[in-house]
Amino acid sequence: MPGGIRCKMVDAVLYTERLHLRPIDRQDIDPLMTYCADLALSRWMTHIPHPYTQADAEDYVTRASAKPGRVWGIAMNNALIGTMGTVGEFGYWIGRPFWRQGIASEAGVAVLNHYFTNPDHDQITARHAVANAASGALLRKLGFEDTGPATTSSKATGETLDARAVLLTGAGWQARQNA
């Protein structure tokens, strides 16, 4: 695996050395409200409004908890610090106190390993705002390849942003695992 990250899955829960990726539930409402209320995070997200309310967090918990094995809460020391999913396309967020610690990369390897174990999954797409260089770098690190210009929207700011569309194939992922 890239970077030597090891993971295992038990009952729709993924474990890595530092992380516990688990279904979203009601215990996540307070951390969701804390992290998603941060405009530095929400400005890059298509689905996170600003301000972010308890009703928004409760709605997200309801929707995400209905998709175990496709949407995970990223927990460290039993506390939610982000989410990651493969619904429609690959997407994630990490709370600002945890940025630039390799958490999204570690979680991404675990989630993509799980995703590509399904023989019906031969590719997955993602998008990142051009101005969000950190997200673009993470997607490249995970093996996504640029497929061209796109747009994305920020629910928090109401803006349409220039973006890049990216693609990761199952064959490309497997080649990375065998490298």
Protein backbone atom coordinates (compact mmCIF):
# COMPACT_ATOMS: atom_id res chain seq x y z
CA MET A 1 0.00 0.00 0.00
CA PRO A 2 1.19 3.55 -0.61
CA GLY A 3 3.19 4.85 2.31
CA GLY A 4 2.99 1.46 4.02
CA ILE A 5 -0.51 2.17 5.36
CA ARG A 6 -2.22 -0.98 6.56
CA CYS A 7 -5.90 -1.25 7.18
CA LYS A 8 -8.55 -3.83 7.92
CA MET A 9 -12.35 -3.74 7.75
CA VAL A 10 -14.74 -5.20 10.30
CA ASP A 11 -18.52 -4.65 9.91
CA ALA A 12 -18.30 -1.51 7.69
CA VAL A 13 -15.60 -0.11 9.99
CA LEU A 14 -12.09 0.49 8.69
CA TYR A 15 -9.05 0.59 10.95
CA THR A 16 -5.63 2.03 10.20
CA GLU A 17 -2.72 2.55 12.56
CA ARG A 18 -4.07 5.90 13.81
CA LEU A 19 -7.65 6.04 12.59
CA HIS A 20 -11.00 4.41 13.11
CA LEU A 21 -13.31 4.99 10.14
CA ARG A 22 -16.84 4.19 11.21
CA PRO A 23 -20.45 4.93 10.36
CA ILE A 24 -21.67 8.42 11.24
CA ASP A 25 -24.06 8.58 14.19
CA ARG A 26 -25.68 11.00 16.65
CA GLN A 27 -22.52 11.22 18.79
CA ASP A 28 -21.02 13.15 15.84
CA ILE A 29 -23.41 16.11 15.93
CA ASP A 30 -21.27 18.33 18.19
CA PRO A 31 -17.97 17.79 16.32
CA LEU A 32 -19.79 18.21 12.99
CA MET A 33 -21.11 21.56 14.19
CA THR A 34 -17.66 22.62 15.39
CA TYR A 35 -15.65 21.70 12.29
CA CYS A 36 -18.23 22.44 9.60
CA ALA A 37 -18.91 25.90 11.07
CA ASP A 38 -15.33 26.85 10.12
CA LEU A 39 -15.51 28.86 6.88
CA ALA A 40 -11.90 27.88 6.10
CA LEU A 41 -13.25 24.33 5.64
CA SER A 42 -16.82 24.88 4.44
CA ARG A 43 -15.84 27.29 1.66
CA TRP A 44 -14.43 24.35 -0.34
CA MET A 45 -17.42 22.05 0.16
CA THR A 46 -20.41 21.68 -2.15
CA HIS A 47 -22.80 20.55 0.58
CA ILE A 48 -21.83 22.43 3.77
CA PRO A 49 -23.72 25.70 4.37
CA HIS A 50 -22.41 28.64 6.37
CA PRO A 51 -23.45 29.20 9.05
CA TYR A 52 -23.70 25.50 9.92
CA THR A 53 -26.45 24.71 12.41
CA GLN A 54 -27.46 21.82 14.62
CA ALA A 55 -30.28 21.08 12.16
CA ASP A 56 -27.66 20.81 9.37
CA ALA A 57 -25.61 18.38 11.48
CA GLU A 58 -28.67 16.30 12.36
CA ASP A 59 -29.71 16.15 8.69
CA TYR A 60 -26.20 15.06 7.69
CA VAL A 61 -26.15 12.34 10.37
CA THR A 62 -29.49 11.02 9.09
CA ARG A 63 -28.32 10.93 5.47
CA ALA A 64 -24.80 9.61 6.13
CA SER A 65 -25.84 6.94 8.60
CA ALA A 66 -28.01 5.41 5.88
CA LYS A 67 -24.85 4.69 3.83
CA PRO A 68 -22.57 2.48 5.93
CA GLY A 69 -19.62 1.25 3.92
CA ARG A 70 -19.92 4.33 1.65
CA VAL A 71 -19.67 7.21 4.16
CA TRP A 72 -17.36 7.09 7.15
CA GLY A 73 -16.67 9.29 10.11
CA ILE A 74 -12.92 9.63 10.54
CA ALA A 75 -12.15 9.24 14.23
CA MET A 76 -8.90 9.61 16.09
CA ASN A 77 -8.81 8.67 19.78
CA ASN A 78 -12.56 7.98 19.49
CA ALA A 79 -13.33 11.58 18.45
CA LEU A 80 -14.72 12.55 15.03
CA ILE A 81 -12.25 14.72 13.09
CA GLY A 82 -13.62 14.42 9.54
CA THR A 83 -15.61 12.39 7.07
CA MET A 84 -14.90 10.56 3.83
CA GLY A 85 -17.14 8.88 1.31
CA THR A 86 -17.62 7.32 -2.08
CA VAL A 87 -21.21 8.36 -2.80
CA GLY A 88 -21.36 9.65 -6.37
CA GLU A 89 -17.69 10.61 -6.22
CA PHE A 90 -14.82 10.49 -3.75
CA GLY A 91 -15.06 13.28 -1.19
CA TYR A 92 -13.79 14.17 2.24
CA TRP A 93 -13.16 16.87 4.80
CA ILE A 94 -10.87 17.03 7.82
CA GLY A 95 -11.30 19.50 10.72
CA ARG A 96 -8.78 22.33 10.57
CA PRO A 97 -6.86 21.34 13.75
CA PHE A 98 -5.94 18.10 11.94
CA TRP A 99 -4.83 19.51 8.59
CA ARG A 100 -1.40 18.59 7.21
CA GLN A 101 -0.91 15.55 9.43
CA GLY A 102 -1.39 12.88 6.75
CA ILE A 103 -4.85 11.99 8.07
CA ALA A 104 -6.73 12.44 4.79
CA SER A 105 -4.08 10.41 2.98
CA GLU A 106 -4.24 7.58 5.53
CA ALA A 107 -8.04 7.54 5.50
CA GLY A 108 -8.09 7.79 1.70
CA VAL A 109 -5.94 4.69 1.28
CA ALA A 110 -8.26 2.72 3.57
CA VAL A 111 -11.45 3.91 1.87
CA LEU A 112 -10.12 3.38 -1.67
CA ASN A 113 -8.82 -0.08 -0.78
CA HIS A 114 -12.32 -0.93 0.42
CA TYR A 115 -13.99 0.70 -2.60
CA PHE A 116 -11.94 -1.22 -5.15
CA THR A 117 -12.55 -4.61 -3.49
CA ASN A 118 -16.01 -4.48 -5.11
CA PRO A 119 -15.61 -5.91 -8.64
CA ASP A 120 -18.36 -3.55 -9.87
CA HIS A 121 -16.18 -0.54 -8.99
CA ASP A 122 -13.74 0.03 -11.83
CA GLN A 123 -13.24 3.78 -11.33
CA ILE A 124 -14.11 6.74 -9.14
CA THR A 125 -14.08 10.45 -9.84
CA ALA A 126 -13.51 13.52 -7.71
CA ARG A 127 -13.21 17.28 -8.14
CA HIS A 128 -11.21 19.92 -6.34
CA ALA A 129 -11.29 23.68 -6.52
CA VAL A 130 -8.20 24.98 -8.32
CA ALA A 131 -7.57 27.38 -5.42
CA ASN A 132 -7.59 24.45 -2.97
CA ALA A 133 -4.05 23.28 -3.69
CA ALA A 134 -3.93 20.95 -0.67
CA SER A 135 -6.91 18.95 -1.92
CA GLY A 136 -5.40 18.70 -5.40
CA ALA A 137 -2.11 17.46 -3.93
CA LEU A 138 -3.89 14.82 -1.84
CA LEU A 139 -5.86 13.51 -4.82
CA ARG A 140 -2.66 13.26 -6.90
CA LYS A 141 -0.92 11.48 -4.00
CA LEU A 142 -3.76 8.94 -3.93
CA GLY A 143 -3.29 8.32 -7.66
CA PHE A 144 -6.11 10.35 -9.19
CA GLU A 145 -5.29 11.68 -12.65
CA ASP A 146 -6.44 15.01 -14.03
CA THR A 147 -9.16 14.71 -16.67
CA GLY A 148 -9.71 18.40 -17.32
CA PRO A 149 -11.37 21.60 -16.22
CA ALA A 150 -14.58 21.55 -14.25
CA THR A 151 -16.51 23.71 -11.84
CA THR A 152 -17.63 23.14 -8.31
CA SER A 153 -19.88 25.15 -6.07
CA SER A 154 -19.50 26.35 -2.52
CA LYS A 155 -22.74 26.17 -0.60
CA ALA A 156 -21.08 28.19 2.17
CA THR A 157 -20.19 31.17 -0.01
CA GLY A 158 -22.62 30.71 -2.91
CA GLU A 159 -19.71 30.85 -5.37
CA THR A 160 -19.04 28.74 -8.43
CA LEU A 161 -15.34 27.84 -8.40
CA ASP A 162 -12.94 26.81 -11.13
CA ALA A 163 -12.05 23.19 -10.48
CA ARG A 164 -10.24 20.19 -11.88
CA ALA A 165 -11.93 16.86 -12.50
CA VAL A 166 -9.87 13.80 -11.60
CA LEU A 167 -10.25 10.06 -12.06
CA LEU A 168 -8.83 6.97 -10.38
CA THR A 169 -9.27 3.59 -12.05
CA GLY A 170 -9.28 0.25 -10.30
CA ALA A 171 -6.39 -0.86 -12.49
CA GLY A 172 -4.44 2.27 -11.57
CA TRP A 173 -5.15 1.72 -7.88
CA GLN A 174 -4.09 -1.92 -8.09
CA ALA A 175 -0.87 -0.97 -9.88
CA ARG A 176 -0.07 1.46 -7.05
CA GLN A 177 -0.65 -1.28 -4.48
CA ASN A 178 1.70 -3.63 -6.28
CA ALA A 179 4.45 -1.01 -6.77
